Amino acid sequence: MIELLVIVLIIGILAAIAIPSLLDQTTKANDAAAETQVGTLQTAIKTYATEHSGSYAGATLATLQAIEPTLRDTATAVAKEVGSATATSFTIESEAVGSGDVYKLENAEGAITRSCSPLGRGDCKSGSW
């Protein structure tokens, strides 16, 4: 009977070590999915601009989802509504499921800026990615 108790204790200790590591890996995977989704959003909005005489004005999440249906998938990352889309600039972002980390890409007349929040968490160590 003592042997069984020792085995259960060992399994409990191993589980206590493994579960936090598994959760950390899941968070990292969701952050990577959000970063990838921002890249997909960028491709979709550039496709939108190609179809609208080079202008980003009028681009919405719904129009980008019509161009790229995978943007509807919310299992690991949630695409946010397109922000401040003008003829020459746009802002797109995606939120990682679970951690809530937000990855943003801003295009201001061709100058690309990548930022993330909150700082120091997940893949957002310095405020950019």
N, C-alpha and C. Protein backbone atom coordinates (compact mmCIF):
# COMPACT_ATOMS: atom_id res chain seq x y z
N MET A 1 0.81 -1.19 0.00
CA MET A 1 0.00 0.00 0.00
C MET A 1 0.86 1.27 0.00
N ILE A 2 1.95 1.26 0.73
CA ILE A 2 2.86 2.40 0.78
C ILE A 2 3.45 2.64 -0.61
N GLU A 3 3.75 1.55 -1.33
CA GLU A 3 4.33 1.69 -2.68
C GLU A 3 3.36 2.45 -3.59
N LEU A 4 2.10 2.15 -3.49
CA LEU A 4 1.09 2.82 -4.30
C LEU A 4 1.03 4.31 -3.95
N LEU A 5 1.10 4.62 -2.68
CA LEU A 5 1.09 6.00 -2.22
C LEU A 5 2.31 6.76 -2.76
N VAL A 6 3.47 6.13 -2.76
CA VAL A 6 4.69 6.74 -3.28
C VAL A 6 4.55 6.99 -4.78
N ILE A 7 3.99 6.05 -5.51
CA ILE A 7 3.80 6.21 -6.96
C ILE A 7 2.85 7.37 -7.23
N VAL A 8 1.74 7.45 -6.51
CA VAL A 8 0.79 8.55 -6.69
C VAL A 8 1.46 9.88 -6.36
N LEU A 9 2.28 9.93 -5.33
CA LEU A 9 3.01 11.14 -4.96
C LEU A 9 3.98 11.56 -6.06
N ILE A 10 4.70 10.62 -6.63
CA ILE A 10 5.64 10.91 -7.73
C ILE A 10 4.88 11.44 -8.94
N ILE A 11 3.78 10.82 -9.28
CA ILE A 11 2.98 11.29 -10.43
C ILE A 11 2.47 12.71 -10.17
N GLY A 12 2.06 12.99 -8.94
CA GLY A 12 1.61 14.34 -8.59
C GLY A 12 2.70 15.38 -8.74
N ILE A 13 3.89 15.03 -8.30
CA ILE A 13 5.03 15.95 -8.42
C ILE A 13 5.37 16.20 -9.89
N LEU A 14 5.39 15.15 -10.70
CA LEU A 14 5.67 15.31 -12.13
C LEU A 14 4.61 16.16 -12.82
N ALA A 15 3.35 15.96 -12.46
CA ALA A 15 2.27 16.77 -13.03
C ALA A 15 2.41 18.23 -12.64
N ALA A 16 2.80 18.49 -11.39
CA ALA A 16 2.98 19.87 -10.93
C ALA A 16 4.10 20.57 -11.69
N ILE A 17 5.07 19.82 -12.15
CA ILE A 17 6.17 20.39 -12.93
C ILE A 17 5.75 20.58 -14.39
N ALA A 18 5.03 19.62 -14.94
CA ALA A 18 4.71 19.62 -16.38
C ALA A 18 3.59 20.58 -16.76
N ILE A 19 2.58 20.74 -15.94
CA ILE A 19 1.41 21.54 -16.31
C ILE A 19 1.77 23.01 -16.54
N PRO A 20 2.51 23.69 -15.66
CA PRO A 20 2.87 25.10 -15.96
C PRO A 20 3.69 25.23 -17.25
N SER A 21 4.56 24.27 -17.51
CA SER A 21 5.36 24.30 -18.73
C SER A 21 4.46 24.17 -19.96
N LEU A 22 3.47 23.31 -19.88
CA LEU A 22 2.53 23.13 -20.99
C LEU A 22 1.73 24.40 -21.22
N LEU A 23 1.27 25.04 -20.16
CA LEU A 23 0.50 26.27 -20.30
C LEU A 23 1.35 27.39 -20.91
N ASP A 24 2.62 27.47 -20.53
CA ASP A 24 3.52 28.47 -21.10
C ASP A 24 3.71 28.25 -22.59
N GLN A 25 3.84 27.01 -23.00
CA GLN A 25 4.00 26.70 -24.43
C GLN A 25 2.74 27.06 -25.21
N THR A 26 1.57 26.85 -24.61
CA THR A 26 0.31 27.21 -25.26
C THR A 26 0.24 28.72 -25.46
N THR A 27 0.65 29.49 -24.47
CA THR A 27 0.66 30.94 -24.59
C THR A 27 1.61 31.39 -25.70
N LYS A 28 2.78 30.80 -25.75
CA LYS A 28 3.74 31.15 -26.81
C LYS A 28 3.18 30.83 -28.19
N ALA A 29 2.50 29.69 -28.31
CA ALA A 29 1.90 29.31 -29.59
C ALA A 29 0.81 30.29 -30.00
N ASN A 30 -0.02 30.72 -29.07
CA ASN A 30 -1.08 31.67 -29.38
C ASN A 30 -0.51 33.04 -29.75
N ASP A 31 0.57 33.45 -29.08
CA ASP A 31 1.22 34.71 -29.46
C ASP A 31 1.77 34.62 -30.89
N ALA A 32 2.38 33.50 -31.22
CA ALA A 32 2.91 33.31 -32.58
C ALA A 32 1.77 33.32 -33.60
N ALA A 33 0.62 32.74 -33.23
CA ALA A 33 -0.54 32.75 -34.13
C ALA A 33 -1.04 34.17 -34.35
N ALA A 34 -1.03 35.01 -33.30
CA ALA A 34 -1.47 36.40 -33.45
C ALA A 34 -0.51 37.17 -34.36
N GLU A 35 0.79 36.94 -34.21
CA GLU A 35 1.77 37.59 -35.08
C GLU A 35 1.56 37.16 -36.53
N THR A 36 1.33 35.89 -36.74
CA THR A 36 1.09 35.37 -38.09
C THR A 36 -0.18 35.96 -38.67
N GLN A 37 -1.21 36.09 -37.82
CA GLN A 37 -2.48 36.64 -38.29
C GLN A 37 -2.32 38.10 -38.73
N VAL A 38 -1.46 38.85 -38.05
CA VAL A 38 -1.20 40.23 -38.47
C VAL A 38 -0.58 40.24 -39.88
N GLY A 39 0.32 39.29 -40.13
CA GLY A 39 0.90 39.17 -41.48
C GLY A 39 -0.16 38.85 -42.52
N THR A 40 -1.10 38.00 -42.16
CA THR A 40 -2.20 37.65 -43.07
C THR A 40 -3.10 38.87 -43.29
N LEU A 41 -3.37 39.61 -42.23
CA LEU A 41 -4.15 40.86 -42.36
C LEU A 41 -3.45 41.83 -43.30
N GLN A 42 -2.13 41.94 -43.18
CA GLN A 42 -1.35 42.84 -44.04
C GLN A 42 -1.47 42.43 -45.50
N THR A 43 -1.36 41.14 -45.76
CA THR A 43 -1.51 40.66 -47.13
C THR A 43 -2.91 40.95 -47.67
N ALA A 44 -3.91 40.72 -46.84
CA ALA A 44 -5.30 40.94 -47.27
C ALA A 44 -5.57 42.43 -47.54
N ILE A 45 -5.04 43.32 -46.69
CA ILE A 45 -5.32 44.74 -46.90
C ILE A 45 -4.55 45.26 -48.12
N LYS A 46 -3.40 44.69 -48.42
CA LYS A 46 -2.68 45.08 -49.64
C LYS A 46 -3.45 44.58 -50.88
N THR A 47 -4.05 43.42 -50.77
CA THR A 47 -4.90 42.91 -51.85
C THR A 47 -6.09 43.84 -52.04
N TYR A 48 -6.69 44.27 -50.93
CA TYR A 48 -7.81 45.22 -50.98
C TYR A 48 -7.38 46.49 -51.72
N ALA A 49 -6.21 47.02 -51.36
CA ALA A 49 -5.73 48.25 -51.99
C ALA A 49 -5.51 48.06 -53.49
N THR A 50 -5.01 46.89 -53.86
CA THR A 50 -4.79 46.61 -55.29
C THR A 50 -6.12 46.68 -56.05
N GLU A 51 -7.17 46.21 -55.42
CA GLU A 51 -8.49 46.21 -56.06
C GLU A 51 -9.20 47.56 -55.97
N HIS A 52 -8.63 48.52 -55.19
CA HIS A 52 -9.25 49.83 -55.00
C HIS A 52 -8.28 50.96 -55.34
N SER A 53 -7.64 50.85 -56.48
CA SER A 53 -6.75 51.89 -57.02
C SER A 53 -5.64 52.30 -56.07
N GLY A 54 -5.14 51.34 -55.28
CA GLY A 54 -4.02 51.60 -54.39
C GLY A 54 -4.39 52.24 -53.06
N SER A 55 -5.69 52.40 -52.79
CA SER A 55 -6.14 53.05 -51.56
C SER A 55 -6.59 52.02 -50.52
N TYR A 56 -6.23 52.30 -49.26
CA TYR A 56 -6.67 51.45 -48.15
C TYR A 56 -7.99 51.94 -47.57
N ALA A 57 -8.43 53.13 -47.97
CA ALA A 57 -9.65 53.72 -47.43
C ALA A 57 -10.84 52.78 -47.65
N GLY A 58 -11.64 52.63 -46.63
CA GLY A 58 -12.83 51.78 -46.73
C GLY A 58 -12.60 50.33 -46.34
N ALA A 59 -11.37 49.97 -46.08
CA ALA A 59 -11.08 48.59 -45.69
C ALA A 59 -11.63 48.34 -44.28
N THR A 60 -12.33 47.23 -44.13
CA THR A 60 -12.86 46.81 -42.83
C THR A 60 -12.46 45.37 -42.59
N LEU A 61 -12.64 44.91 -41.38
CA LEU A 61 -12.34 43.52 -41.08
C LEU A 61 -13.20 42.60 -41.94
N ALA A 62 -14.45 42.96 -42.14
CA ALA A 62 -15.35 42.12 -42.95
C ALA A 62 -14.85 42.01 -44.40
N THR A 63 -14.37 43.11 -44.97
CA THR A 63 -13.88 43.04 -46.35
C THR A 63 -12.59 42.22 -46.43
N LEU A 64 -11.76 42.33 -45.40
CA LEU A 64 -10.53 41.53 -45.39
C LEU A 64 -10.85 40.05 -45.20
N GLN A 65 -11.86 39.74 -44.39
CA GLN A 65 -12.27 38.35 -44.20
C GLN A 65 -12.86 37.77 -45.49
N ALA A 66 -13.49 38.62 -46.30
CA ALA A 66 -14.01 38.16 -47.59
C ALA A 66 -12.86 37.82 -48.53
N ILE A 67 -11.77 38.57 -48.44
CA ILE A 67 -10.58 38.31 -49.25
C ILE A 67 -9.85 37.08 -48.73
N GLU A 68 -9.71 36.99 -47.41
CA GLU A 68 -8.97 35.88 -46.78
C GLU A 68 -9.83 35.27 -45.66
N PRO A 69 -10.59 34.21 -45.98
CA PRO A 69 -11.52 33.61 -45.01
C PRO A 69 -10.87 33.07 -43.73
N THR A 70 -9.58 32.74 -43.76
CA THR A 70 -8.94 32.21 -42.55
C THR A 70 -8.90 33.25 -41.43
N LEU A 71 -9.13 34.52 -41.75
CA LEU A 71 -9.14 35.57 -40.72
C LEU A 71 -10.35 35.44 -39.79
N ARG A 72 -11.32 34.61 -40.17
CA ARG A 72 -12.49 34.37 -39.32
C ARG A 72 -12.18 33.40 -38.18
N ASP A 73 -11.10 32.65 -38.29
CA ASP A 73 -10.72 31.67 -37.28
C ASP A 73 -10.30 32.38 -36.00
N THR A 74 -10.96 32.06 -34.90
CA THR A 74 -10.65 32.70 -33.62
C THR A 74 -10.15 31.70 -32.58
N ALA A 75 -9.68 30.55 -33.01
CA ALA A 75 -9.23 29.52 -32.07
C ALA A 75 -7.99 29.94 -31.29
N THR A 76 -7.05 30.60 -31.95
CA THR A 76 -5.80 30.98 -31.28
C THR A 76 -5.54 32.48 -31.29
N ALA A 77 -6.16 33.21 -32.21
CA ALA A 77 -5.97 34.66 -32.30
C ALA A 77 -7.23 35.28 -32.90
N VAL A 78 -7.52 36.50 -32.45
CA VAL A 78 -8.72 37.21 -32.91
C VAL A 78 -8.30 38.48 -33.64
N ALA A 79 -8.66 38.56 -34.91
CA ALA A 79 -8.36 39.76 -35.70
C ALA A 79 -9.28 40.89 -35.25
N LYS A 80 -8.70 42.07 -35.08
CA LYS A 80 -9.47 43.24 -34.66
C LYS A 80 -9.86 44.07 -35.88
N GLU A 81 -10.84 44.94 -35.70
CA GLU A 81 -11.30 45.80 -36.77
C GLU A 81 -10.15 46.69 -37.26
N VAL A 82 -10.12 46.93 -38.57
CA VAL A 82 -9.08 47.78 -39.17
C VAL A 82 -9.23 49.18 -38.60
N GLY A 83 -8.11 49.75 -38.16
CA GLY A 83 -8.15 51.09 -37.59
C GLY A 83 -7.57 52.13 -38.53
N SER A 84 -8.17 53.27 -38.58
CA SER A 84 -7.71 54.44 -39.32
C SER A 84 -7.17 54.11 -40.72
N ALA A 85 -7.99 53.47 -41.53
CA ALA A 85 -7.59 53.18 -42.91
C ALA A 85 -7.85 54.42 -43.77
N THR A 86 -6.78 54.97 -44.33
CA THR A 86 -6.89 56.11 -45.24
C THR A 86 -6.35 55.66 -46.60
N ALA A 87 -6.23 56.58 -47.51
CA ALA A 87 -5.72 56.23 -48.83
C ALA A 87 -4.31 55.65 -48.76
N THR A 88 -3.49 56.13 -47.81
CA THR A 88 -2.07 55.74 -47.79
C THR A 88 -1.62 55.08 -46.49
N SER A 89 -2.52 54.89 -45.53
CA SER A 89 -2.09 54.30 -44.27
C SER A 89 -3.19 53.43 -43.66
N PHE A 90 -2.78 52.56 -42.74
CA PHE A 90 -3.73 51.70 -42.04
C PHE A 90 -3.10 51.18 -40.76
N THR A 91 -3.95 50.68 -39.87
CA THR A 91 -3.52 50.02 -38.64
C THR A 91 -4.29 48.71 -38.53
N ILE A 92 -3.57 47.61 -38.31
CA ILE A 92 -4.21 46.31 -38.13
C ILE A 92 -3.66 45.67 -36.87
N GLU A 93 -4.48 44.84 -36.22
CA GLU A 93 -4.01 44.18 -35.00
C GLU A 93 -4.74 42.87 -34.77
N SER A 94 -4.09 42.04 -33.96
CA SER A 94 -4.62 40.74 -33.60
C SER A 94 -4.34 40.49 -32.13
N GLU A 95 -5.31 39.88 -31.45
CA GLU A 95 -5.17 39.57 -30.02
C GLU A 95 -5.03 38.07 -29.83
N ALA A 96 -3.99 37.67 -29.11
CA ALA A 96 -3.76 36.25 -28.82
C ALA A 96 -4.80 35.76 -27.82
N VAL A 97 -5.40 34.62 -28.13
CA VAL A 97 -6.38 34.01 -27.23
C VAL A 97 -5.65 33.51 -25.98
N GLY A 98 -6.27 33.67 -24.85
CA GLY A 98 -5.66 33.20 -23.60
C GLY A 98 -4.87 34.29 -22.91
N SER A 99 -3.80 34.74 -23.53
CA SER A 99 -2.95 35.75 -22.89
C SER A 99 -3.51 37.16 -23.05
N GLY A 100 -4.25 37.40 -24.13
CA GLY A 100 -4.76 38.74 -24.40
C GLY A 100 -3.72 39.69 -24.94
N ASP A 101 -2.52 39.18 -25.28
CA ASP A 101 -1.46 40.02 -25.86
C ASP A 101 -1.92 40.51 -27.23
N VAL A 102 -1.68 41.78 -27.51
CA VAL A 102 -2.12 42.40 -28.76
C VAL A 102 -0.90 42.73 -29.61
N TYR A 103 -0.94 42.32 -30.86
CA TYR A 103 0.14 42.58 -31.82
C TYR A 103 -0.43 43.49 -32.91
N LYS A 104 0.25 44.62 -33.13
CA LYS A 104 -0.26 45.66 -34.01
C LYS A 104 0.77 45.99 -35.09
N LEU A 105 0.27 46.29 -36.28
CA LEU A 105 1.11 46.76 -37.38
C LEU A 105 0.50 48.05 -37.90
N GLU A 106 1.32 49.10 -37.97
CA GLU A 106 0.88 50.38 -38.51
C GLU A 106 1.68 50.69 -39.77
N ASN A 107 0.97 51.05 -40.82
CA ASN A 107 1.60 51.48 -42.06
C ASN A 107 1.24 52.94 -42.25
N ALA A 108 2.21 53.82 -42.07
CA ALA A 108 2.00 55.24 -42.27
C ALA A 108 2.73 55.65 -43.53
N GLU A 109 2.01 55.65 -44.63
CA GLU A 109 2.55 56.03 -45.94
C GLU A 109 3.79 55.21 -46.29
N GLY A 110 3.72 53.92 -46.02
CA GLY A 110 4.80 53.01 -46.38
C GLY A 110 5.78 52.68 -45.27
N ALA A 111 5.79 53.47 -44.20
CA ALA A 111 6.66 53.21 -43.06
C ALA A 111 5.94 52.24 -42.11
N ILE A 112 6.51 51.05 -41.93
CA ILE A 112 5.88 50.00 -41.13
C ILE A 112 6.42 50.06 -39.70
N THR A 113 5.50 50.03 -38.74
CA THR A 113 5.84 49.97 -37.32
C THR A 113 5.08 48.81 -36.70
N ARG A 114 5.82 47.92 -36.01
CA ARG A 114 5.20 46.80 -35.31
C ARG A 114 5.29 47.06 -33.82
N SER A 115 4.16 46.93 -33.13
CA SER A 115 4.17 47.11 -31.68
C SER A 115 3.32 46.03 -31.02
N CYS A 116 3.51 45.88 -29.73
CA CYS A 116 2.75 44.88 -28.99
C CYS A 116 2.54 45.37 -27.57
N SER A 117 1.54 44.79 -26.92
CA SER A 117 1.26 45.12 -25.53
C SER A 117 0.59 43.91 -24.87
N PRO A 118 0.72 43.74 -23.58
CA PRO A 118 1.50 44.53 -22.65
C PRO A 118 2.98 44.17 -22.71
N LEU A 119 3.81 45.11 -22.33
CA LEU A 119 5.26 44.92 -22.36
C LEU A 119 5.70 43.85 -21.38
N GLY A 120 6.74 43.11 -21.76
CA GLY A 120 7.36 42.14 -20.87
C GLY A 120 6.62 40.84 -20.71
N ARG A 121 5.58 40.64 -21.49
CA ARG A 121 4.81 39.40 -21.38
C ARG A 121 4.79 38.69 -22.72
N GLY A 122 4.78 37.37 -22.69
CA GLY A 122 4.74 36.60 -23.93
C GLY A 122 5.90 36.92 -24.84
N ASP A 123 5.59 37.19 -26.10
CA ASP A 123 6.63 37.51 -27.08
C ASP A 123 6.85 39.02 -27.18
N CYS A 124 6.28 39.77 -26.26
CA CYS A 124 6.36 41.23 -26.27
C CYS A 124 7.33 41.70 -25.19
N LYS A 125 8.61 41.48 -25.43
CA LYS A 125 9.62 41.84 -24.42
C LYS A 125 9.98 43.31 -24.46
N SER A 126 10.02 43.90 -25.66
CA SER A 126 10.51 45.28 -25.78
C SER A 126 9.47 46.26 -26.33
N GLY A 127 8.26 45.81 -26.56
CA GLY A 127 7.24 46.69 -27.11
C GLY A 127 7.10 46.60 -28.61
N SER A 128 8.00 45.85 -29.25
CA SER A 128 7.88 45.62 -30.69
C SER A 128 8.20 44.15 -30.97
N TRP A 129 7.83 43.71 -32.15
CA TRP A 129 8.07 42.29 -32.50
C TRP A 129 8.57 42.19 -33.92
